[in-house]
Amino acid sequence: ALTIALGIGAVSIVGAAARDSTLAEGSELTPDAR
């Protein structure tokens, strides 16, 4: 269970970083970012 949770956490963290890292503060998500 911990291994699965760590894997899901790693995927979520990388996805969030790739999606939100280039957006300006307070801006809406764009289709490209998603």
PDB file of all heavy atoms in Angstrom:
ATOM      1  N   ALA A   1       0.831  -1.208   0.000  1.00  0.00           N
ATOM      2  CA  ALA A   1       0.000   0.000   0.000  1.00  0.00           C
ATOM      3  C   ALA A   1       0.863   1.254   0.000  1.00  0.00           C
ATOM      4  O   ALA A   1       0.573   2.228  -0.722  1.00  0.00           O
ATOM      5  CB  ALA A   1      -0.932  -0.012   1.215  1.00  0.00           C
ATOM      6  N   LEU A   2       1.919   1.255   0.792  1.00  0.00           N
ATOM      7  CA  LEU A   2       2.804   2.415   0.817  1.00  0.00           C
ATOM      8  C   LEU A   2       3.506   2.607  -0.523  1.00  0.00           C
ATOM      9  O   LEU A   2       3.694   3.744  -0.984  1.00  0.00           O
ATOM     10  CB  LEU A   2       3.838   2.244   1.929  1.00  0.00           C
ATOM     11  CG  LEU A   2       3.311   2.333   3.370  1.00  0.00           C
ATOM     12  CD1 LEU A   2       4.425   2.018   4.361  1.00  0.00           C
ATOM     13  CD2 LEU A   2       2.727   3.721   3.640  1.00  0.00           C
ATOM     14  N   THR A   3       3.889   1.497  -1.149  1.00  0.00           N
ATOM     15  CA  THR A   3       4.553   1.588  -2.452  1.00  0.00           C
ATOM     16  C   THR A   3       3.618   2.202  -3.498  1.00  0.00           C
ATOM     17  O   THR A   3       4.018   3.081  -4.283  1.00  0.00           O
ATOM     18  CB  THR A   3       4.998   0.191  -2.905  1.00  0.00           C
ATOM     19  OG1 THR A   3       5.905  -0.348  -1.948  1.00  0.00           O
ATOM     20  CG2 THR A   3       5.680   0.255  -4.259  1.00  0.00           C
ATOM     21  N   ILE A   4       2.375   1.741  -3.508  1.00  0.00           N
ATOM     22  CA  ILE A   4       1.396   2.303  -4.456  1.00  0.00           C
ATOM     23  C   ILE A   4       1.160   3.776  -4.171  1.00  0.00           C
ATOM     24  O   ILE A   4       1.099   4.612  -5.094  1.00  0.00           O
ATOM     25  CB  ILE A   4       0.083   1.504  -4.379  1.00  0.00           C
ATOM     26  CG1 ILE A   4       0.314   0.069  -4.877  1.00  0.00           C
ATOM     27  CG2 ILE A   4      -1.009   2.190  -5.194  1.00  0.00           C
ATOM     28  CD1 ILE A   4      -0.889  -0.828  -4.698  1.00  0.00           C
ATOM     29  N   ALA A   5       1.049   4.125  -2.893  1.00  0.00           N
ATOM     30  CA  ALA A   5       0.823   5.527  -2.534  1.00  0.00           C
ATOM     31  C   ALA A   5       1.998   6.400  -2.959  1.00  0.00           C
ATOM     32  O   ALA A   5       1.803   7.519  -3.465  1.00  0.00           O
ATOM     33  CB  ALA A   5       0.589   5.637  -1.028  1.00  0.00           C
ATOM     34  N   LEU A   6       3.212   5.900  -2.758  1.00  0.00           N
ATOM     35  CA  LEU A   6       4.376   6.667  -3.183  1.00  0.00           C
ATOM     36  C   LEU A   6       4.394   6.867  -4.692  1.00  0.00           C
ATOM     37  O   LEU A   6       4.744   7.944  -5.198  1.00  0.00           O
ATOM     38  CB  LEU A   6       5.658   5.954  -2.724  1.00  0.00           C
ATOM     39  CG  LEU A   6       5.980   6.025  -1.230  1.00  0.00           C
ATOM     40  CD1 LEU A   6       7.167   5.134  -0.902  1.00  0.00           C
ATOM     41  CD2 LEU A   6       6.266   7.464  -0.809  1.00  0.00           C
ATOM     42  N   GLY A   7       4.035   5.809  -5.433  1.00  0.00           N
ATOM     43  CA  GLY A   7       3.994   5.934  -6.890  1.00  0.00           C
ATOM     44  C   GLY A   7       2.964   6.945  -7.340  1.00  0.00           C
ATOM     45  O   GLY A   7       3.240   7.792  -8.217  1.00  0.00           O
ATOM     46  N   ILE A   8       1.769   6.858  -6.757  1.00  0.00           N
ATOM     47  CA  ILE A   8       0.717   7.820  -7.128  1.00  0.00           C
ATOM     48  C   ILE A   8       1.145   9.241  -6.760  1.00  0.00           C
ATOM     49  O   ILE A   8       0.935  10.204  -7.516  1.00  0.00           O
ATOM     50  CB  ILE A   8      -0.605   7.449  -6.436  1.00  0.00           C
ATOM     51  CG1 ILE A   8      -1.121   6.126  -6.999  1.00  0.00           C
ATOM     52  CG2 ILE A   8      -1.640   8.546  -6.605  1.00  0.00           C
ATOM     53  CD1 ILE A   8      -2.340   5.590  -6.286  1.00  0.00           C
ATOM     54  N   GLY A   9       1.779   9.375  -5.577  1.00  0.00           N
ATOM     55  CA  GLY A   9       2.242  10.702  -5.167  1.00  0.00           C
ATOM     56  C   GLY A   9       3.281  11.262  -6.106  1.00  0.00           C
ATOM     57  O   GLY A   9       3.252  12.455  -6.443  1.00  0.00           O
ATOM     58  N   ALA A  10       4.227  10.406  -6.541  1.00  0.00           N
ATOM     59  CA  ALA A  10       5.261  10.875  -7.460  1.00  0.00           C
ATOM     60  C   ALA A  10       4.646  11.333  -8.778  1.00  0.00           C
ATOM     61  O   ALA A  10       5.022  12.381  -9.330  1.00  0.00           O
ATOM     62  CB  ALA A  10       6.287   9.771  -7.697  1.00  0.00           C
ATOM     63  N   VAL A  11       3.695  10.551  -9.317  1.00  0.00           N
ATOM     64  CA  VAL A  11       3.050  10.925 -10.580  1.00  0.00           C
ATOM     65  C   VAL A  11       2.296  12.247 -10.434  1.00  0.00           C
ATOM     66  O   VAL A  11       2.365  13.142 -11.298  1.00  0.00           O
ATOM     67  CB  VAL A  11       2.109   9.800 -11.034  1.00  0.00           C
ATOM     68  CG1 VAL A  11       1.262  10.255 -12.240  1.00  0.00           C
ATOM     69  CG2 VAL A  11       2.900   8.555 -11.395  1.00  0.00           C
ATOM     70  N   SER A  12       1.592  12.398  -9.316  1.00  0.00           N
ATOM     71  CA  SER A  12       0.806  13.618  -9.095  1.00  0.00           C
ATOM     72  C   SER A  12       1.709  14.839  -8.958  1.00  0.00           C
ATOM     73  O   SER A  12       1.427  15.908  -9.522  1.00  0.00           O
ATOM     74  CB  SER A  12      -0.054  13.456  -7.840  1.00  0.00           C
ATOM     75  OG  SER A  12      -0.954  12.376  -7.981  1.00  0.00           O
ATOM     76  N   ILE A  13       2.780  14.692  -8.220  1.00  0.00           N
ATOM     77  CA  ILE A  13       3.676  15.836  -7.995  1.00  0.00           C
ATOM     78  C   ILE A  13       4.318  16.279  -9.311  1.00  0.00           C
ATOM     79  O   ILE A  13       4.372  17.482  -9.622  1.00  0.00           O
ATOM     80  CB  ILE A  13       4.751  15.467  -6.958  1.00  0.00           C
ATOM     81  CG1 ILE A  13       4.112  15.313  -5.579  1.00  0.00           C
ATOM     82  CG2 ILE A  13       5.861  16.509  -6.917  1.00  0.00           C
ATOM     83  CD1 ILE A  13       5.042  14.761  -4.537  1.00  0.00           C
ATOM     84  N   VAL A  14       4.810  15.337 -10.110  1.00  0.00           N
ATOM     85  CA  VAL A  14       5.444  15.699 -11.383  1.00  0.00           C
ATOM     86  C   VAL A  14       4.422  16.319 -12.329  1.00  0.00           C
ATOM     87  O   VAL A  14       4.699  17.308 -13.022  1.00  0.00           O
ATOM     88  CB  VAL A  14       6.112  14.464 -12.017  1.00  0.00           C
ATOM     89  CG1 VAL A  14       6.596  14.773 -13.431  1.00  0.00           C
ATOM     90  CG2 VAL A  14       7.269  13.986 -11.157  1.00  0.00           C
ATOM     91  N   GLY A  15       3.215  15.756 -12.358  1.00  0.00           N
ATOM     92  CA  GLY A  15       2.190  16.322 -13.236  1.00  0.00           C
ATOM     93  C   GLY A  15       1.821  17.732 -12.847  1.00  0.00           C
ATOM     94  O   GLY A  15       1.680  18.619 -13.711  1.00  0.00           O
ATOM     95  N   ALA A  16       1.673  17.958 -11.531  1.00  0.00           N
ATOM     96  CA  ALA A  16       1.334  19.298 -11.077  1.00  0.00           C
ATOM     97  C   ALA A  16       2.453  20.290 -11.383  1.00  0.00           C
ATOM     98  O   ALA A  16       2.196  21.438 -11.774  1.00  0.00           O
ATOM     99  CB  ALA A  16       1.034  19.273  -9.577  1.00  0.00           C
ATOM    100  N   ALA A  17       3.694  19.845 -11.196  1.00  0.00           N
ATOM    101  CA  ALA A  17       4.812  20.746 -11.480  1.00  0.00           C
ATOM    102  C   ALA A  17       4.875  21.102 -12.954  1.00  0.00           C
ATOM    103  O   ALA A  17       5.101  22.272 -13.322  1.00  0.00           O
ATOM    104  CB  ALA A  17       6.115  20.082 -11.039  1.00  0.00           C
ATOM    105  N   ALA A  18       4.683  20.111 -13.830  1.00  0.00           N
ATOM    106  CA  ALA A  18       4.731  20.383 -15.269  1.00  0.00           C
ATOM    107  C   ALA A  18       3.563  21.251 -15.703  1.00  0.00           C
ATOM    108  O   ALA A  18       3.703  22.104 -16.599  1.00  0.00           O
ATOM    109  CB  ALA A  18       4.728  19.063 -16.038  1.00  0.00           C
ATOM    110  N   ARG A  19       2.423  21.087 -15.076  1.00  0.00           N
ATOM    111  CA  ARG A  19       1.221  21.837 -15.481  1.00  0.00           C
ATOM    112  C   ARG A  19       1.237  23.276 -14.992  1.00  0.00           C
ATOM    113  O   ARG A  19       0.850  24.205 -15.720  1.00  0.00           O
ATOM    114  CB  ARG A  19      -0.015  21.119 -14.916  1.00  0.00           C
ATOM    115  CG  ARG A  19      -1.355  21.757 -15.320  1.00  0.00           C
ATOM    116  CD  ARG A  19      -2.493  21.059 -14.605  1.00  0.00           C
ATOM    117  NE  ARG A  19      -2.382  21.188 -13.155  1.00  0.00           N
ATOM    118  CZ  ARG A  19      -2.449  20.191 -12.286  1.00  0.00           C
ATOM    119  NH1 ARG A  19      -2.629  18.952 -12.725  1.00  0.00           N
ATOM    120  NH2 ARG A  19      -2.335  20.414 -10.982  1.00  0.00           N
ATOM    121  N   ASP A  20       1.718  23.493 -13.750  1.00  0.00           N
ATOM    122  CA  ASP A  20       1.564  24.805 -13.131  1.00  0.00           C
ATOM    123  C   ASP A  20       2.839  25.643 -13.097  1.00  0.00           C
ATOM    124  O   ASP A  20       2.789  26.834 -12.781  1.00  0.00           O
ATOM    125  CB  ASP A  20       1.079  24.643 -11.675  1.00  0.00           C
ATOM    126  CG  ASP A  20      -0.256  23.925 -11.597  1.00  0.00           C
ATOM    127  OD1 ASP A  20      -0.980  23.927 -12.608  1.00  0.00           O
ATOM    128  OD2 ASP A  20      -0.563  23.346 -10.527  1.00  0.00           O
ATOM    129  N   SER A  21       3.998  25.040 -13.413  1.00  0.00           N
ATOM    130  CA  SER A  21       5.243  25.761 -13.185  1.00  0.00           C
ATOM    131  C   SER A  21       5.423  26.972 -14.099  1.00  0.00           C
ATOM    132  O   SER A  21       6.111  27.929 -13.725  1.00  0.00           O
ATOM    133  CB  SER A  21       6.432  24.806 -13.366  1.00  0.00           C
ATOM    134  OG  SER A  21       6.449  24.278 -14.685  1.00  0.00           O
ATOM    135  N   THR A  22       4.814  26.964 -15.290  1.00  0.00           N
ATOM    136  CA  THR A  22       5.017  28.081 -16.229  1.00  0.00           C
ATOM    137  C   THR A  22       3.877  29.100 -16.186  1.00  0.00           C
ATOM    138  O   THR A  22       3.901  30.086 -16.932  1.00  0.00           O
ATOM    139  CB  THR A  22       5.145  27.539 -17.659  1.00  0.00           C
ATOM    140  OG1 THR A  22       3.946  26.810 -18.000  1.00  0.00           O
ATOM    141  CG2 THR A  22       6.351  26.614 -17.770  1.00  0.00           C
ATOM    142  N   LEU A  23       2.880  28.861 -15.353  1.00  0.00           N
ATOM    143  CA  LEU A  23       1.751  29.780 -15.275  1.00  0.00           C
ATOM    144  C   LEU A  23       2.060  30.925 -14.328  1.00  0.00           C
ATOM    145  O   LEU A  23       2.706  30.748 -13.296  1.00  0.00           O
ATOM    146  CB  LEU A  23       0.499  29.039 -14.794  1.00  0.00           C
ATOM    147  CG  LEU A  23      -0.035  27.931 -15.718  1.00  0.00           C
ATOM    148  CD1 LEU A  23      -1.241  27.255 -15.093  1.00  0.00           C
ATOM    149  CD2 LEU A  23      -0.384  28.503 -17.098  1.00  0.00           C
ATOM    150  N   ALA A  24       1.576  32.101 -14.729  1.00  0.00           N
ATOM    151  CA  ALA A  24       1.712  33.243 -13.838  1.00  0.00           C
ATOM    152  C   ALA A  24       0.784  33.090 -12.653  1.00  0.00           C
ATOM    153  O   ALA A  24      -0.252  32.402 -12.724  1.00  0.00           O
ATOM    154  CB  ALA A  24       1.394  34.541 -14.599  1.00  0.00           C
ATOM    155  N   GLU A  25       1.147  33.740 -11.543  1.00  0.00           N
ATOM    156  CA  GLU A  25       0.347  33.627 -10.323  1.00  0.00           C
ATOM    157  C   GLU A  25      -1.051  34.171 -10.553  1.00  0.00           C
ATOM    158  O   GLU A  25      -1.236  35.267 -11.079  1.00  0.00           O
ATOM    159  CB  GLU A  25       1.033  34.396  -9.196  1.00  0.00           C
ATOM    160  CG  GLU A  25       0.309  34.266  -7.873  1.00  0.00           C
ATOM    161  CD  GLU A  25       1.019  34.991  -6.762  1.00  0.00           C
ATOM    162  OE1 GLU A  25       2.119  35.540  -7.018  1.00  0.00           O
ATOM    163  OE2 GLU A  25       0.494  35.014  -5.638  1.00  0.00           O
ATOM    164  N   GLY A  26      -2.052  33.336 -10.187  1.00  0.00           N
ATOM    165  CA  GLY A  26      -3.443  33.745 -10.307  1.00  0.00           C
ATOM    166  C   GLY A  26      -4.062  33.518 -11.668  1.00  0.00           C
ATOM    167  O   GLY A  26      -5.261  33.771 -11.847  1.00  0.00           O
ATOM    168  N   SER A  27      -3.283  33.079 -12.648  1.00  0.00           N
ATOM    169  CA  SER A  27      -3.835  32.866 -13.989  1.00  0.00           C
ATOM    170  C   SER A  27      -4.593  31.548 -14.072  1.00  0.00           C
ATOM    171  O   SER A  27      -4.353  30.625 -13.273  1.00  0.00           O
ATOM    172  CB  SER A  27      -2.712  32.900 -15.036  1.00  0.00           C
ATOM    173  OG  SER A  27      -1.782  31.866 -14.769  1.00  0.00           O
ATOM    174  N   GLU A  28      -5.489  31.448 -15.059  1.00  0.00           N
ATOM    175  CA  GLU A  28      -6.273  30.245 -15.277  1.00  0.00           C
ATOM    176  C   GLU A  28      -5.445  29.200 -16.024  1.00  0.00           C
ATOM    177  O   GLU A  28      -4.551  29.537 -16.797  1.00  0.00           O
ATOM    178  CB  GLU A  28      -7.521  30.578 -16.091  1.00  0.00           C
ATOM    179  CG  GLU A  28      -8.496  31.517 -15.393  1.00  0.00           C
ATOM    180  CD  GLU A  28      -9.175  30.832 -14.216  1.00  0.00           C
ATOM    181  OE1 GLU A  28      -9.305  29.578 -14.250  1.00  0.00           O
ATOM    182  OE2 GLU A  28      -9.550  31.528 -13.265  1.00  0.00           O
ATOM    183  N   LEU A  29      -5.784  27.916 -15.774  1.00  0.00           N
ATOM    184  CA  LEU A  29      -5.125  26.832 -16.505  1.00  0.00           C
ATOM    185  C   LEU A  29      -5.535  26.879 -17.968  1.00  0.00           C
ATOM    186  O   LEU A  29      -6.714  27.031 -18.289  1.00  0.00           O
ATOM    187  CB  LEU A  29      -5.496  25.463 -15.911  1.00  0.00           C
ATOM    188  CG  LEU A  29      -4.837  25.084 -14.579  1.00  0.00           C
ATOM    189  CD1 LEU A  29      -5.411  23.756 -14.076  1.00  0.00           C
ATOM    190  CD2 LEU A  29      -3.334  24.956 -14.772  1.00  0.00           C
ATOM    191  N   THR A  30      -4.549  26.677 -18.819  1.00  0.00           N
ATOM    192  CA  THR A  30      -4.832  26.651 -20.249  1.00  0.00           C
ATOM    193  C   THR A  30      -4.879  25.197 -20.716  1.00  0.00           C
ATOM    194  O   THR A  30      -4.344  24.284 -20.042  1.00  0.00           O
ATOM    195  CB  THR A  30      -3.727  27.397 -21.020  1.00  0.00           C
ATOM    196  OG1 THR A  30      -2.491  26.695 -20.831  1.00  0.00           O
ATOM    197  CG2 THR A  30      -3.583  28.834 -20.516  1.00  0.00           C
ATOM    198  N   PRO A  31      -5.500  24.945 -21.880  1.00  0.00           N
ATOM    199  CA  PRO A  31      -5.494  23.573 -22.421  1.00  0.00           C
ATOM    200  C   PRO A  31      -4.081  23.050 -22.624  1.00  0.00           C
ATOM    201  O   PRO A  31      -3.816  21.867 -22.375  1.00  0.00           O
ATOM    202  CB  PRO A  31      -6.245  23.718 -23.740  1.00  0.00           C
ATOM    203  CG  PRO A  31      -7.159  24.886 -23.529  1.00  0.00           C
ATOM    204  CD  PRO A  31      -6.379  25.833 -22.673  1.00  0.00           C
ATOM    205  N   ASP A  32      -3.150  23.919 -23.053  1.00  0.00           N
ATOM    206  CA  ASP A  32      -1.769  23.462 -23.227  1.00  0.00           C
ATOM    207  C   ASP A  32      -1.152  23.030 -21.902  1.00  0.00           C
ATOM    208  O   ASP A  32      -0.409  22.036 -21.832  1.00  0.00           O
ATOM    209  CB  ASP A  32      -0.922  24.575 -23.859  1.00  0.00           C
ATOM    210  CG  ASP A  32      -1.256  24.785 -25.332  1.00  0.00           C
ATOM    211  OD1 ASP A  32      -1.851  23.849 -25.921  1.00  0.00           O
ATOM    212  OD2 ASP A  32      -0.911  25.860 -25.868  1.00  0.00           O
ATOM    213  N   ALA A  33      -1.453  23.788 -20.852  1.00  0.00           N
ATOM    214  CA  ALA A  33      -0.904  23.425 -19.527  1.00  0.00           C
ATOM    215  C   ALA A  33      -1.451  22.086 -19.060  1.00  0.00           C
ATOM    216  O   ALA A  33      -0.712  21.264 -18.501  1.00  0.00           O
ATOM    217  CB  ALA A  33      -1.227  24.528 -18.521  1.00  0.00           C
ATOM    218  N   ARG A  34      -2.756  21.879 -19.308  1.00  0.00           N
ATOM    219  CA  ARG A  34      -3.344  20.599 -18.901  1.00  0.00           C
ATOM    220  C   ARG A  34      -2.711  19.443 -19.697  1.00  0.00           C
ATOM    221  O   ARG A  34      -2.417  18.386 -19.134  1.00  0.00           O
ATOM    222  CB  ARG A  34      -4.856  20.625 -19.096  1.00  0.00           C
ATOM    223  CG  ARG A  34      -5.583  21.514 -18.117  1.00  0.00           C
ATOM    224  CD  ARG A  34      -7.096  21.282 -18.214  1.00  0.00           C
ATOM    225  NE  ARG A  34      -7.805  22.020 -17.201  1.00  0.00           N
ATOM    226  CZ  ARG A  34      -8.284  23.246 -17.347  1.00  0.00           C
ATOM    227  NH1 ARG A  34      -8.111  23.871 -18.531  1.00  0.00           N
ATOM    228  NH2 ARG A  34      -8.908  23.845 -16.367  1.00  0.00           N
TER     229      ARG A  34
END
